[in-house]
Protein backbone atom coordinates (compact mmCIF):
# COMPACT_ATOMS: atom_id res chain seq x y z
CA GLU A 1 49.96 52.11 115.41
CA LYS A 2 51.99 48.90 115.54
CA SER A 3 54.04 50.04 112.58
CA THR A 4 54.62 53.42 114.21
CA SER A 5 55.83 51.87 117.49
CA THR A 6 58.19 49.60 115.56
CA ASN A 7 59.75 52.63 113.93
CA LYS A 8 60.22 54.25 117.32
CA ARG A 9 61.91 51.15 118.78
CA THR A 10 64.23 50.51 115.81
CA GLY A 11 65.03 54.15 115.15
CA ALA A 12 64.33 53.70 111.42
CA ARG A 13 63.53 56.86 109.53
CA PRO A 14 60.25 57.12 107.67
CA VAL A 15 60.41 56.82 103.88
CA ALA A 16 59.70 60.54 103.43
CA ALA A 17 62.66 61.48 105.65
CA ARG A 18 64.98 59.20 103.72
CA SER A 19 63.85 60.71 100.44
CA TRP A 20 64.41 64.22 101.79
CA LEU A 21 67.93 63.35 102.93
CA GLN A 22 68.73 61.81 99.54
CA LEU A 23 67.53 64.96 97.83
CA MET A 24 69.70 67.19 100.06
CA MET A 25 72.79 65.06 99.43
CA ARG A 26 72.21 65.25 95.68
CA LEU A 27 71.83 69.03 95.87
CA VAL A 28 75.13 69.32 97.74
CA ALA A 29 76.87 67.15 95.17
CA LEU A 30 75.34 69.08 92.29
CA ALA A 31 76.38 72.39 93.84
CA LEU A 32 80.00 71.22 93.98
CA LEU A 33 79.88 70.32 90.30
CA THR A 34 77.90 73.35 89.14
CA PHE A 35 79.69 76.16 91.03
CA PRO A 36 83.34 75.16 91.38
CA VAL A 37 86.20 77.61 91.06
CA ASP A 38 88.44 76.32 88.28
CA GLY A 39 91.02 73.91 89.60
CA LEU A 40 89.61 73.68 93.14
CA VAL A 41 87.58 70.44 92.81
CA PRO A 42 89.76 67.66 91.36
CA ASN A 43 88.36 65.63 88.47
CA VAL A 44 88.66 62.43 90.48
CA PHE A 45 86.06 63.74 92.94
CA LYS A 46 83.82 64.97 90.12
CA ALA A 47 83.83 61.56 88.48
CA ALA A 48 83.21 59.74 91.75
CA ILE A 49 80.27 61.97 92.66
CA ASN A 50 78.80 61.67 89.17
CA ASP A 51 78.89 57.88 89.47
CA LYS A 52 76.77 58.09 92.61
CA LEU A 53 74.13 60.50 91.32
CA PRO A 54 72.10 58.36 88.85
CA SER A 55 71.43 55.46 91.20
CA ALA A 56 69.27 55.25 94.29
CA THR A 57 71.20 56.02 97.44
CA PRO A 58 70.78 53.44 100.21
CA ALA A 59 72.30 53.98 103.62
CA ALA A 60 75.76 52.64 102.67
CA SER A 61 75.96 54.68 99.48
CA ARG A 62 74.74 57.74 101.35
CA ARG A 63 77.64 57.44 103.80
CA SER A 64 80.02 56.93 100.89
CA LEU A 65 78.71 60.03 99.13
CA LEU A 66 79.05 62.07 102.31
CA GLY A 67 82.66 60.96 102.54
CA LEU A 68 83.28 61.99 98.95
CA VAL A 69 81.76 65.42 99.54
CA GLY A 70 83.92 65.86 102.66
CA GLY A 71 87.00 64.73 100.74
CA ALA A 72 86.29 67.21 97.97
CA TRP A 73 85.95 70.00 100.55
CA LEU A 74 89.28 69.09 102.19
CA ALA A 75 90.98 68.91 98.81
CA THR A 76 89.55 72.33 97.99
CA LYS A 77 91.04 73.83 101.19
CA LYS A 78 94.46 72.36 100.42
CA GLN A 79 94.49 73.64 96.86
CA VAL A 80 93.32 77.11 97.88
CA ARG A 81 96.35 77.38 100.20
CA ALA A 82 98.71 75.89 97.64
CA VAL A 83 97.91 78.44 94.95
CA ARG A 84 98.45 81.41 97.28
CA PRO A 85 101.68 83.32 96.59
CA PRO A 86 104.54 82.55 99.00
CA ASP A 87 104.68 86.21 99.89
CA PHE A 88 102.71 89.34 99.15
CA VAL A 89 105.44 91.62 97.84
CA THR A 90 103.84 93.64 95.07
CA SER A 91 105.27 96.41 92.92
CA GLN A 92 104.88 99.78 94.59
CA PRO A 93 104.06 102.79 92.36
CA GLY A 94 107.07 104.98 91.67
CA PHE A 95 109.58 102.35 92.86
CA THR A 96 112.21 100.63 90.72
CA ARG A 97 112.56 96.89 91.24
CA GLN A 98 116.12 95.58 91.40
CA PRO A 99 117.14 92.06 90.25
CA SER A 100 117.22 90.97 93.90
CA GLY A 101 113.59 92.00 94.36
CA LEU A 102 114.43 95.13 96.35
CA GLN A 103 112.30 98.12 95.37
CA ILE A 104 113.94 101.55 95.47
CA LYS A 105 112.64 105.10 95.27
CA ASP A 106 114.96 108.09 95.56
CA GLY A 107 113.89 111.27 97.32
CA ASN A 108 116.77 113.67 97.81
CA THR A 109 119.76 112.64 95.68
CA GLY A 110 122.29 114.22 98.08
CA LYS A 111 125.42 116.18 97.27
CA GLY A 112 129.17 115.81 97.00
CA ASP A 113 131.40 113.43 95.11
CA LYS A 114 131.46 110.55 97.56
CA THR A 115 129.08 107.63 97.00
CA VAL A 116 128.60 104.57 99.18
CA GLU A 117 130.60 101.49 98.18
CA VAL A 118 131.27 98.11 99.78
CA GLY A 119 133.72 98.58 102.67
CA ASP A 120 132.61 102.13 103.45
CA ARG A 121 131.34 103.12 106.87
CA VAL A 122 127.91 104.72 106.60
CA VAL A 123 126.37 106.99 109.22
CA TYR A 124 122.63 107.17 108.68
CA LYS A 125 119.19 107.66 110.19
CA TRP A 126 116.08 105.72 109.30
CA GLU A 127 112.36 105.15 109.68
CA GLY A 128 110.51 101.86 109.29
CA TYR A 129 106.92 100.83 108.55
CA THR A 130 105.07 97.52 108.26
CA ILE A 131 103.75 98.59 104.86
CA GLY A 132 102.04 95.22 104.33
CA TYR A 133 100.16 95.48 107.64
CA TYR A 134 98.34 98.81 107.94
CA GLY A 135 101.57 100.79 107.42
CA ARG A 136 102.32 100.93 111.13
CA PRO A 137 105.60 102.64 112.09
CA PHE A 138 108.12 100.61 114.09
CA GLU A 139 110.78 103.31 113.98
CA ALA A 140 110.00 106.99 113.54
CA GLN A 141 112.14 110.08 113.86
CA THR A 142 110.78 112.30 116.63
CA GLY A 143 111.71 115.61 118.14
CA VAL A 144 113.25 118.68 116.54
CA LYS A 145 114.60 118.04 113.03
CA GLY A 146 117.90 119.45 111.82
CA GLY A 147 120.07 122.26 113.12
CA ASP A 148 122.21 122.03 116.24
CA PHE A 149 119.73 119.73 117.96
CA TYR A 150 121.11 116.72 116.08
CA ASN A 151 124.06 114.86 117.50
CA GLU A 152 126.24 112.21 115.87
CA ALA A 153 125.34 109.84 118.68
CA ASP A 154 121.71 109.90 117.50
CA PHE A 155 122.57 108.20 114.21
CA GLU A 156 123.14 104.58 113.25
CA ARG A 157 126.29 103.39 111.54
CA PHE A 158 127.54 100.23 109.84
CA ILE A 159 130.25 99.01 107.49
CA VAL A 160 128.82 97.97 104.14
CA GLY A 161 129.40 94.31 103.34
CA LYS A 162 129.90 93.01 106.89
CA GLY A 163 126.36 91.82 107.48
CA GLU A 164 125.71 94.23 110.32
CA VAL A 165 122.34 95.23 108.82
CA ILE A 166 119.68 93.42 106.80
CA PRO A 167 120.45 92.76 103.10
CA ALA A 168 117.89 95.35 101.97
CA VAL A 169 119.85 98.15 103.66
CA GLU A 170 123.24 96.77 102.57
CA GLU A 171 122.11 96.83 98.95
CA GLY A 172 119.90 99.90 99.26
CA VAL A 173 122.61 102.37 100.32
CA ILE A 174 125.01 101.49 97.51
CA GLY A 175 125.51 104.53 95.28
CA MET A 176 123.94 107.02 97.70
CA LYS A 177 125.62 110.36 98.45
CA GLU A 178 125.79 112.28 101.70
CA GLY A 179 122.42 113.83 102.40
CA ALA A 180 120.62 111.43 100.03
CA VAL A 181 117.25 109.94 101.05
CA ARG A 182 116.01 106.62 99.68
CA GLN A 183 112.97 104.46 100.37
CA LEU A 184 113.30 100.67 100.33
CA VAL A 185 110.47 98.13 100.02
CA PHE A 186 111.30 94.46 100.52
CA GLY A 187 110.06 91.07 101.66
CA THR A 188 111.37 88.54 104.15
CA ASP A 189 114.16 87.32 101.84
CA LEU A 190 115.92 90.68 102.17
CA GLY A 191 114.82 91.46 105.70
CA TYR A 192 115.44 90.31 109.26
CA PRO A 193 116.77 86.73 109.55
CA PHE A 194 114.54 83.77 110.43
CA ILE A 195 115.22 80.26 111.61
CA GLY A 196 113.78 78.11 108.85
CA SER A 197 110.87 79.32 106.75
CA PRO A 198 109.51 82.83 107.49
CA GLU A 199 106.06 81.24 107.67
CA ARG A 200 107.13 79.61 110.96
CA GLY A 201 107.61 83.07 112.45
CA VAL A 202 110.79 82.16 114.40
CA LEU A 203 113.29 85.03 114.35
CA ALA A 204 116.99 84.24 114.57
CA ASP A 205 117.62 87.54 116.36
CA PRO A 206 114.37 88.62 118.08
CA ASN A 207 115.92 91.77 119.60
CA HIS A 208 117.58 92.73 116.30
CA GLU A 209 120.85 93.40 118.08
CA ARG A 210 123.15 91.39 115.79
CA VAL A 211 121.48 92.40 112.53
CA GLY A 212 120.02 95.90 112.39
CA PRO A 213 118.60 98.36 112.05
CA THR A 214 117.16 98.04 115.55
CA PRO A 215 113.93 99.77 116.67
CA HIS A 216 114.72 102.04 119.61
CA SER A 217 111.41 101.80 121.45
CA PHE A 218 109.57 98.91 123.06
CA SER A 219 106.42 99.71 121.10
CA GLY A 220 108.38 99.80 117.87
CA MET A 221 110.01 96.45 118.58
CA ARG A 222 106.63 94.96 119.43
CA ALA A 223 105.00 96.35 116.26
CA LEU A 224 107.76 94.90 114.08
CA ASN A 225 107.90 91.50 115.76
CA PHE A 226 104.12 91.16 115.82
CA VAL A 227 104.25 91.07 112.03
CA LEU A 228 107.45 89.05 111.59
CA GLU A 229 106.55 86.40 114.20
CA ASN A 230 103.10 85.76 112.76
CA LYS A 231 102.80 82.09 111.83
CA GLY A 232 101.53 81.06 108.42
CA ASP A 233 101.15 83.12 105.26
CA ASN A 234 98.01 85.04 106.19
CA LEU A 235 99.82 88.27 107.06
CA ASP A 236 101.91 90.38 104.69
CA LYS A 237 105.43 90.85 106.09
CA THR A 238 106.53 93.45 103.55
CA LEU A 239 108.48 96.33 105.11
CA LEU A 240 109.26 99.90 104.05
CA LEU A 241 112.40 101.69 105.26
CA THR A 242 113.33 105.30 104.61
CA VAL A 243 117.10 105.80 104.88
CA LYS A 244 119.06 109.08 104.91
CA VAL A 245 122.84 108.98 104.60
CA ILE A 246 124.41 111.48 106.98
CA ARG A 247 128.09 110.80 106.32
CA ILE A 248 130.26 108.42 104.32
CA ASP A 249 133.61 107.32 105.69
CA LYS A 250 135.51 105.80 102.80
CA ASN A 251 137.17 102.46 103.33
CA GLY A 252 140.11 102.99 105.69
CA VAL A 253 139.36 106.66 106.29
CA VAL A 254 137.22 107.44 109.35
CA GLY A 255 135.63 110.86 109.56
CA LYS A 256 134.74 112.88 112.60
CA GLY A 257 132.90 111.07 115.35
CA LYS A 258 132.83 107.34 115.85
């Protein structure tokens, strides 16, 4: 009884409890060495843990071993993040990858002799989707398609080479004819501009007024910016745009409309 009361006053653990704790710590250490993913547990931690295993583990060594296990876990988290790709742009089936990384797929090839070149003024319409995040549309053509219901004022326009639209569209329309339809898949390097790294999620032009194309609805703007302004690399910011060239005004020659 005296021995028991002494243990209560000093807070010392019984021998059986200490042995159980030692066993658990050894099992944790062994698990790290037995079931690692290649490259995730550095050799320096393996060697340090192995040095601790053969000997008895008093209180000081037990704390040291716990620190080593914690350090190995933190190192594992860092390396897991480091080996992740900087973006998630993958090759889409049926698309042709350009040297810039832009992926192109032609639908309708269009008609006529005129093709888009740098300096031309392009009148176009477009649709956009966050293809890397559930394929949500942030710009969709609605209403009656074709015929007299369309008006020139409903279309977008820009001069190729002036930086009025994102690089993916500047490059993507080159060589298209009037009436041609082309799909473009691209990552942040060819998309809307950021301040600093895209992982920070800070847009240089949050309303997309200076660099288009600009979503026309509040919900579309919100859907696009929700993806682009996400911080970190846990969300795929790949976009898909479908572009149709309505008219080409050759450099220095403006067609009907403005």
